[in-house]
Amino acid sequence: MYCVPKYPCSLEEVNFRKIIEFDGYSNHVNNLIAPLVSVVLGSKILEIHVTNNKKINYFDNNVSLDFNELEKLIKNIKLIEKIKR
């Protein structure tokens, strides 16, 4: 798994060229772009942080997706996979 071990890391800190050397991506960016790009580049495994309350001050909550964002991510991954076929 490719990972930038920083909570949060910026999109600019993700070396997308490195992602292709790994089977998956562990997301620490606080938006959906990085995991979606990793899927486009071939990631087969995604590690995503999920929370039911973004207002709580957990260590990784600033990079966690809520359930609505997770649903959007899954829909977009399915669309990407359909296009890639």
C-alpha atoms as a PDB file:
ATOM      1  CA  MET A   1       0.000   0.000   0.000  1.00  0.00           C
ATOM      2  CA  TYR A   2       1.262   3.436  -0.896  1.00  0.00           C
ATOM      3  CA  CYS A   3       0.809   5.907   1.943  1.00  0.00           C
ATOM      4  CA  VAL A   4       1.968   9.349   2.988  1.00  0.00           C
ATOM      5  CA  PRO A   5       2.128   8.917   6.793  1.00  0.00           C
ATOM      6  CA  LYS A   6       0.831  12.357   7.685  1.00  0.00           C
ATOM      7  CA  TYR A   7      -2.606  13.401   8.988  1.00  0.00           C
ATOM      8  CA  PRO A   8      -3.659  15.173   6.856  1.00  0.00           C
ATOM      9  CA  CYS A   9      -1.345  15.273   3.894  1.00  0.00           C
ATOM     10  CA  SER A  10      -1.972  17.632   1.036  1.00  0.00           C
ATOM     11  CA  LEU A  11      -2.736  16.478  -2.472  1.00  0.00           C
ATOM     12  CA  GLU A  12       0.640  17.901  -3.528  1.00  0.00           C
ATOM     13  CA  GLU A  13       2.423  15.568  -1.088  1.00  0.00           C
ATOM     14  CA  VAL A  14       1.041  12.440  -2.758  1.00  0.00           C
ATOM     15  CA  ASN A  15       3.483  11.076  -5.316  1.00  0.00           C
ATOM     16  CA  PHE A  16       1.024   9.596  -7.785  1.00  0.00           C
ATOM     17  CA  ARG A  17       3.916   8.195  -9.851  1.00  0.00           C
ATOM     18  CA  LYS A  18       4.767   5.977  -6.861  1.00  0.00           C
ATOM     19  CA  ILE A  19       1.218   4.615  -6.563  1.00  0.00           C
ATOM     20  CA  ILE A  20       1.695   2.460  -9.661  1.00  0.00           C
ATOM     21  CA  GLU A  21       4.446   0.537  -7.808  1.00  0.00           C
ATOM     22  CA  PHE A  22       1.940  -0.683  -5.200  1.00  0.00           C
ATOM     23  CA  ASP A  23      -1.263  -2.752  -5.179  1.00  0.00           C
ATOM     24  CA  GLY A  24      -3.168  -0.170  -3.187  1.00  0.00           C
ATOM     25  CA  TYR A  25      -3.397   3.238  -1.624  1.00  0.00           C
ATOM     26  CA  SER A  26      -3.951   4.379   1.962  1.00  0.00           C
ATOM     27  CA  ASN A  27      -5.651   7.780   1.879  1.00  0.00           C
ATOM     28  CA  HIS A  28      -4.667  10.593   4.239  1.00  0.00           C
ATOM     29  CA  VAL A  29      -5.862  13.444   1.997  1.00  0.00           C
ATOM     30  CA  ASN A  30      -9.051  15.171   3.130  1.00  0.00           C
ATOM     31  CA  ASN A  31     -10.937  14.916  -0.166  1.00  0.00           C
ATOM     32  CA  LEU A  32     -12.004  12.281  -2.675  1.00  0.00           C
ATOM     33  CA  ILE A  33      -9.561  13.183  -5.442  1.00  0.00           C
ATOM     34  CA  ALA A  34      -6.552  11.164  -4.250  1.00  0.00           C
ATOM     35  CA  PRO A  35      -8.322   7.800  -3.864  1.00  0.00           C
ATOM     36  CA  LEU A  36     -10.099   8.304  -7.188  1.00  0.00           C
ATOM     37  CA  VAL A  37      -6.838   9.086  -8.979  1.00  0.00           C
ATOM     38  CA  SER A  38      -5.255   6.036  -7.372  1.00  0.00           C
ATOM     39  CA  VAL A  39      -8.038   3.859  -8.813  1.00  0.00           C
ATOM     40  CA  VAL A  40      -7.521   5.377 -12.252  1.00  0.00           C
ATOM     41  CA  LEU A  41      -3.816   4.540 -11.903  1.00  0.00           C
ATOM     42  CA  GLY A  42      -4.588   0.915 -11.028  1.00  0.00           C
ATOM     43  CA  SER A  43      -4.978   0.614  -7.252  1.00  0.00           C
ATOM     44  CA  LYS A  44      -6.828  -2.577  -6.393  1.00  0.00           C
ATOM     45  CA  ILE A  45      -7.019  -1.899  -2.650  1.00  0.00           C
ATOM     46  CA  LEU A  46      -8.055   1.317  -0.904  1.00  0.00           C
ATOM     47  CA  GLU A  47      -7.717   2.043   2.788  1.00  0.00           C
ATOM     48  CA  ILE A  48     -10.124   4.834   3.688  1.00  0.00           C
ATOM     49  CA  HIS A  49     -10.803   6.324   7.108  1.00  0.00           C
ATOM     50  CA  VAL A  50     -14.526   6.604   7.858  1.00  0.00           C
ATOM     51  CA  THR A  51     -16.297   8.510  10.616  1.00  0.00           C
ATOM     52  CA  ASN A  52     -19.881   8.989  11.684  1.00  0.00           C
ATOM     53  CA  ASN A  53     -19.132  12.429  13.174  1.00  0.00           C
ATOM     54  CA  LYS A  54     -16.595  14.781  11.590  1.00  0.00           C
ATOM     55  CA  LYS A  55     -16.928  17.220  14.487  1.00  0.00           C
ATOM     56  CA  ILE A  56     -15.265  14.896  17.005  1.00  0.00           C
ATOM     57  CA  ASN A  57     -11.555  15.516  17.489  1.00  0.00           C
ATOM     58  CA  TYR A  58     -10.152  12.063  16.683  1.00  0.00           C
ATOM     59  CA  PHE A  59      -6.558  11.777  15.451  1.00  0.00           C
ATOM     60  CA  ASP A  60      -7.552  10.766  11.926  1.00  0.00           C
ATOM     61  CA  ASN A  61     -10.964  12.428  11.723  1.00  0.00           C
ATOM     62  CA  ASN A  62      -9.573  15.244   9.570  1.00  0.00           C
ATOM     63  CA  VAL A  63      -8.889  12.701   6.811  1.00  0.00           C
ATOM     64  CA  SER A  64     -11.982  10.572   7.418  1.00  0.00           C
ATOM     65  CA  LEU A  65     -14.934  10.409   5.059  1.00  0.00           C
ATOM     66  CA  ASP A  66     -18.461  10.578   6.374  1.00  0.00           C
ATOM     67  CA  PHE A  67     -20.992   8.089   5.041  1.00  0.00           C
ATOM     68  CA  ASN A  68     -22.240  10.457   2.309  1.00  0.00           C
ATOM     69  CA  GLU A  69     -18.691  10.999   1.057  1.00  0.00           C
ATOM     70  CA  LEU A  70     -18.035   7.259   1.211  1.00  0.00           C
ATOM     71  CA  GLU A  71     -21.122   6.651  -0.906  1.00  0.00           C
ATOM     72  CA  LYS A  72     -19.921   9.220  -3.472  1.00  0.00           C
ATOM     73  CA  LEU A  73     -16.490   7.595  -3.522  1.00  0.00           C
ATOM     74  CA  ILE A  74     -17.937   4.130  -4.140  1.00  0.00           C
ATOM     75  CA  LYS A  75     -20.219   5.383  -6.934  1.00  0.00           C
ATOM     76  CA  ASN A  76     -17.313   7.133  -8.626  1.00  0.00           C
ATOM     77  CA  ILE A  77     -15.050   4.089  -8.304  1.00  0.00           C
ATOM     78  CA  LYS A  78     -17.723   1.933  -9.926  1.00  0.00           C
ATOM     79  CA  LEU A  79     -17.999   4.452 -12.759  1.00  0.00           C
ATOM     80  CA  ILE A  80     -14.219   4.505 -13.229  1.00  0.00           C
ATOM     81  CA  GLU A  81     -14.055   0.714 -13.272  1.00  0.00           C
ATOM     82  CA  LYS A  82     -16.861   0.584 -15.841  1.00  0.00           C
ATOM     83  CA  ILE A  83     -15.052   3.085 -18.066  1.00  0.00           C
ATOM     84  CA  LYS A  84     -11.750   1.181 -17.736  1.00  0.00           C
ATOM     85  CA  ARG A  85     -13.295  -2.027 -19.098  1.00  0.00           C
END
